[in-house]
Structure formats: structure tokens, C-alpha cells
Amino acid sequence: MEDRSLIERLARHLAAAEPDDWPARVEDAASILALLKEPDTAMRTAGDAAVWHSMIEAALRERWSVGRLGAEEDAPSGSDEEGEIRLTPDAVRGDRADWVHLHPGQEKQS
């Protein structure tokens, strides 16, 4: 059995109907993990919430290496406006809209 990261296993599960398209589901898997980041009352009663939080953070960090794996297997084509180009951590800095490029004259003037 392969030792796959939790985020890859989730992405593969989400893509069960189309197994070859699992890289496209990595961000969906990351969203699910982000929801699980904060344990509920029953989980806090059962164990250490700080450990759980650290474990989920580690799993979320894996999405960048899984995303690169998927990109290598299936190189995207098209433009980012169509949502076909995967964005890696080095493509987007602090500003989520940083990758959008407006050409002079296209910006709306108030």
C-alpha cells in the first residue's frame, strides 16, 4: 500500500467517480480539512485540541506538494481566468488577487 498524504487520500476519495481527475479535487480536500481544524466539544473531551490543530495544519501544508504532483501528471492548458492553471504558493503572495494582471487602459476610472 502506498503511503499517501491525508489530503491526497481525501482528493482521491472525492474524485471516486473520475479517478484520474483527483488533482482537481485537492482544493476541495483542503477545504474539508480546514473545516476540521477546530475540534468540536466531543473531540476536545477525547483528546488534546492543540495536537489535533497541529496535525490538521501539517495535513493542510501537504496540499502544495500534492498540487505540484498533480500538475506534473496533467499539465494544465488555457488561461488562469478559465480556472485551468493551478496556482502554487509561489504564484500568489499575500494578496489573493496578486496574480490578476490588468493592462493600462483596462482599469475602471472613477
C-alpha atoms as a PDB file:
ATOM      1  CA  MET A   1       0.000   0.000   0.000  1.00  0.00           C
ATOM      2  CA  GLU A   2       1.305   3.459  -0.918  1.00  0.00           C
ATOM      3  CA  ASP A   3       1.873   5.967   1.860  1.00  0.00           C
ATOM      4  CA  ARG A   4      -0.248   8.848   0.552  1.00  0.00           C
ATOM      5  CA  SER A   5      -0.849  12.058   2.456  1.00  0.00           C
ATOM      6  CA  LEU A   6      -4.240  12.625   4.037  1.00  0.00           C
ATOM      7  CA  ILE A   7      -5.053  15.418   1.612  1.00  0.00           C
ATOM      8  CA  GLU A   8      -4.281  13.209  -1.398  1.00  0.00           C
ATOM      9  CA  ARG A   9      -6.397  10.384   0.019  1.00  0.00           C
ATOM     10  CA  LEU A  10      -9.289  12.822   0.517  1.00  0.00           C
ATOM     11  CA  ALA A  11      -8.883  14.219  -3.018  1.00  0.00           C
ATOM     12  CA  ARG A  12      -8.858  10.698  -4.460  1.00  0.00           C
ATOM     13  CA  HIS A  13     -11.983   9.825  -2.470  1.00  0.00           C
ATOM     14  CA  LEU A  14     -13.766  12.967  -3.680  1.00  0.00           C
ATOM     15  CA  ALA A  15     -12.846  12.058  -7.267  1.00  0.00           C
ATOM     16  CA  ALA A  16     -14.051   8.457  -6.980  1.00  0.00           C
ATOM     17  CA  ALA A  17     -16.364   8.838  -9.981  1.00  0.00           C
ATOM     18  CA  GLU A  18     -13.446  10.160 -12.097  1.00  0.00           C
ATOM     19  CA  PRO A  19     -10.285   8.692 -10.509  1.00  0.00           C
ATOM     20  CA  ASP A  20      -7.870  10.298 -12.958  1.00  0.00           C
ATOM     21  CA  ASP A  21      -9.124  13.773 -12.033  1.00  0.00           C
ATOM     22  CA  TRP A  22      -8.147  13.595  -8.363  1.00  0.00           C
ATOM     23  CA  PRO A  23      -5.621  16.501  -8.626  1.00  0.00           C
ATOM     24  CA  ALA A  24      -8.524  18.811  -9.439  1.00  0.00           C
ATOM     25  CA  ARG A  25     -10.094  17.887  -6.082  1.00  0.00           C
ATOM     26  CA  VAL A  26      -7.088  18.799  -3.889  1.00  0.00           C
ATOM     27  CA  GLU A  27      -8.514  22.229  -3.014  1.00  0.00           C
ATOM     28  CA  ASP A  28     -11.867  20.632  -2.120  1.00  0.00           C
ATOM     29  CA  ALA A  29      -9.977  18.274   0.177  1.00  0.00           C
ATOM     30  CA  ALA A  30      -8.132  21.247   1.697  1.00  0.00           C
ATOM     31  CA  SER A  31     -11.465  22.957   2.356  1.00  0.00           C
ATOM     32  CA  ILE A  32     -12.735  19.903   4.206  1.00  0.00           C
ATOM     33  CA  LEU A  33      -9.571  19.729   6.297  1.00  0.00           C
ATOM     34  CA  ALA A  34      -9.857  23.436   7.091  1.00  0.00           C
ATOM     35  CA  LEU A  35     -13.373  22.787   8.431  1.00  0.00           C
ATOM     36  CA  LEU A  36     -11.980  20.031  10.648  1.00  0.00           C
ATOM     37  CA  LYS A  37      -9.211  22.238  12.021  1.00  0.00           C
ATOM     38  CA  GLU A  38     -11.177  23.297  15.075  1.00  0.00           C
ATOM     39  CA  PRO A  39     -12.286  20.267  17.103  1.00  0.00           C
ATOM     40  CA  ASP A  40     -15.812  20.121  18.444  1.00  0.00           C
ATOM     41  CA  THR A  41     -16.720  19.553  22.095  1.00  0.00           C
ATOM     42  CA  ALA A  42     -16.661  15.751  21.862  1.00  0.00           C
ATOM     43  CA  MET A  43     -13.243  15.826  20.195  1.00  0.00           C
ATOM     44  CA  ARG A  44     -11.815  18.228  22.806  1.00  0.00           C
ATOM     45  CA  THR A  45     -13.127  15.936  25.546  1.00  0.00           C
ATOM     46  CA  ALA A  46     -11.479  12.906  23.931  1.00  0.00           C
ATOM     47  CA  GLY A  47      -8.026  14.389  23.386  1.00  0.00           C
ATOM     48  CA  ASP A  48      -5.595  17.273  23.117  1.00  0.00           C
ATOM     49  CA  ALA A  49      -7.038  20.007  20.888  1.00  0.00           C
ATOM     50  CA  ALA A  50      -3.608  21.591  20.329  1.00  0.00           C
ATOM     51  CA  VAL A  51      -2.232  18.316  18.964  1.00  0.00           C
ATOM     52  CA  TRP A  52      -5.243  17.950  16.666  1.00  0.00           C
ATOM     53  CA  HIS A  53      -4.804  21.526  15.419  1.00  0.00           C
ATOM     54  CA  SER A  54      -1.102  20.874  14.680  1.00  0.00           C
ATOM     55  CA  MET A  55      -1.908  17.662  12.834  1.00  0.00           C
ATOM     56  CA  ILE A  56      -4.511  19.334  10.619  1.00  0.00           C
ATOM     57  CA  GLU A  57      -2.098  22.217   9.902  1.00  0.00           C
ATOM     58  CA  ALA A  58       0.530  19.673   8.806  1.00  0.00           C
ATOM     59  CA  ALA A  59      -2.001  17.967   6.526  1.00  0.00           C
ATOM     60  CA  LEU A  60      -3.014  21.311   5.006  1.00  0.00           C
ATOM     61  CA  ARG A  61       0.611  22.201   4.233  1.00  0.00           C
ATOM     62  CA  GLU A  62       0.846  18.997   2.185  1.00  0.00           C
ATOM     63  CA  ARG A  63      -1.580  20.404  -0.399  1.00  0.00           C
ATOM     64  CA  TRP A  64       1.234  22.345  -2.048  1.00  0.00           C
ATOM     65  CA  SER A  65       3.336  19.267  -2.733  1.00  0.00           C
ATOM     66  CA  VAL A  66       0.256  17.279  -3.791  1.00  0.00           C
ATOM     67  CA  GLY A  67      -0.780  20.125  -6.105  1.00  0.00           C
ATOM     68  CA  ARG A  68       2.634  20.054  -7.779  1.00  0.00           C
ATOM     69  CA  LEU A  69       2.388  16.281  -8.190  1.00  0.00           C
ATOM     70  CA  GLY A  70      -0.960  16.632  -9.901  1.00  0.00           C
ATOM     71  CA  ALA A  71       0.313  19.469 -12.091  1.00  0.00           C
ATOM     72  CA  GLU A  72       3.222  17.326 -13.278  1.00  0.00           C
ATOM     73  CA  GLU A  73       0.927  14.427 -14.115  1.00  0.00           C
ATOM     74  CA  ASP A  74      -1.588  16.507 -16.009  1.00  0.00           C
ATOM     75  CA  ALA A  75      -0.174  19.798 -17.252  1.00  0.00           C
ATOM     76  CA  PRO A  76      -2.993  22.347 -17.479  1.00  0.00           C
ATOM     77  CA  SER A  77      -3.724  24.382 -20.554  1.00  0.00           C
ATOM     78  CA  GLY A  78      -5.720  27.549 -21.070  1.00  0.00           C
ATOM     79  CA  SER A  79      -5.648  30.696 -19.009  1.00  0.00           C
ATOM     80  CA  ASP A  80      -5.990  31.421 -15.319  1.00  0.00           C
ATOM     81  CA  GLU A  81      -9.261  33.293 -15.975  1.00  0.00           C
ATOM     82  CA  GLU A  82     -10.765  29.993 -17.042  1.00  0.00           C
ATOM     83  CA  GLY A  83      -9.580  28.312 -13.865  1.00  0.00           C
ATOM     84  CA  GLU A  84      -7.382  25.847 -15.677  1.00  0.00           C
ATOM     85  CA  ILE A  85      -3.966  26.919 -14.373  1.00  0.00           C
ATOM     86  CA  ARG A  86      -3.115  25.678 -10.907  1.00  0.00           C
ATOM     87  CA  LEU A  87      -1.706  28.314  -8.579  1.00  0.00           C
ATOM     88  CA  THR A  88       1.189  27.241  -6.400  1.00  0.00           C
ATOM     89  CA  PRO A  89       2.293  29.044  -3.223  1.00  0.00           C
ATOM     90  CA  ASP A  90       4.962  30.956  -5.122  1.00  0.00           C
ATOM     91  CA  ALA A  91       2.412  32.167  -7.698  1.00  0.00           C
ATOM     92  CA  VAL A  92       0.303  34.054  -5.165  1.00  0.00           C
ATOM     93  CA  ARG A  93       1.748  36.165  -2.397  1.00  0.00           C
ATOM     94  CA  GLY A  94      -0.203  37.814   0.440  1.00  0.00           C
ATOM     95  CA  ASP A  95      -2.785  39.403  -1.859  1.00  0.00           C
ATOM     96  CA  ARG A  96      -5.121  36.742  -3.278  1.00  0.00           C
ATOM     97  CA  ALA A  97      -5.711  38.888  -6.385  1.00  0.00           C
ATOM     98  CA  ASP A  98      -1.984  39.371  -6.956  1.00  0.00           C
ATOM     99  CA  TRP A  99      -1.940  37.014  -9.944  1.00  0.00           C
ATOM    100  CA  VAL A 100      -4.525  39.100 -11.819  1.00  0.00           C
ATOM    101  CA  HIS A 101      -2.832  41.335 -14.373  1.00  0.00           C
ATOM    102  CA  LEU A 102      -4.641  44.421 -15.596  1.00  0.00           C
ATOM    103  CA  HIS A 103      -3.231  46.217 -18.595  1.00  0.00           C
ATOM    104  CA  PRO A 104      -3.183  50.027 -18.630  1.00  0.00           C
ATOM    105  CA  GLY A 105      -6.454  51.301 -20.028  1.00  0.00           C
ATOM    106  CA  GLN A 106      -8.444  48.296 -18.806  1.00  0.00           C
ATOM    107  CA  GLU A 107      -8.796  49.550 -15.263  1.00  0.00           C
ATOM    108  CA  LYS A 108     -12.047  51.321 -14.492  1.00  0.00           C
ATOM    109  CA  GLN A 109     -11.636  55.009 -13.895  1.00  0.00           C
ATOM    110  CA  SER A 110     -13.880  56.529 -11.228  1.00  0.00           C
END
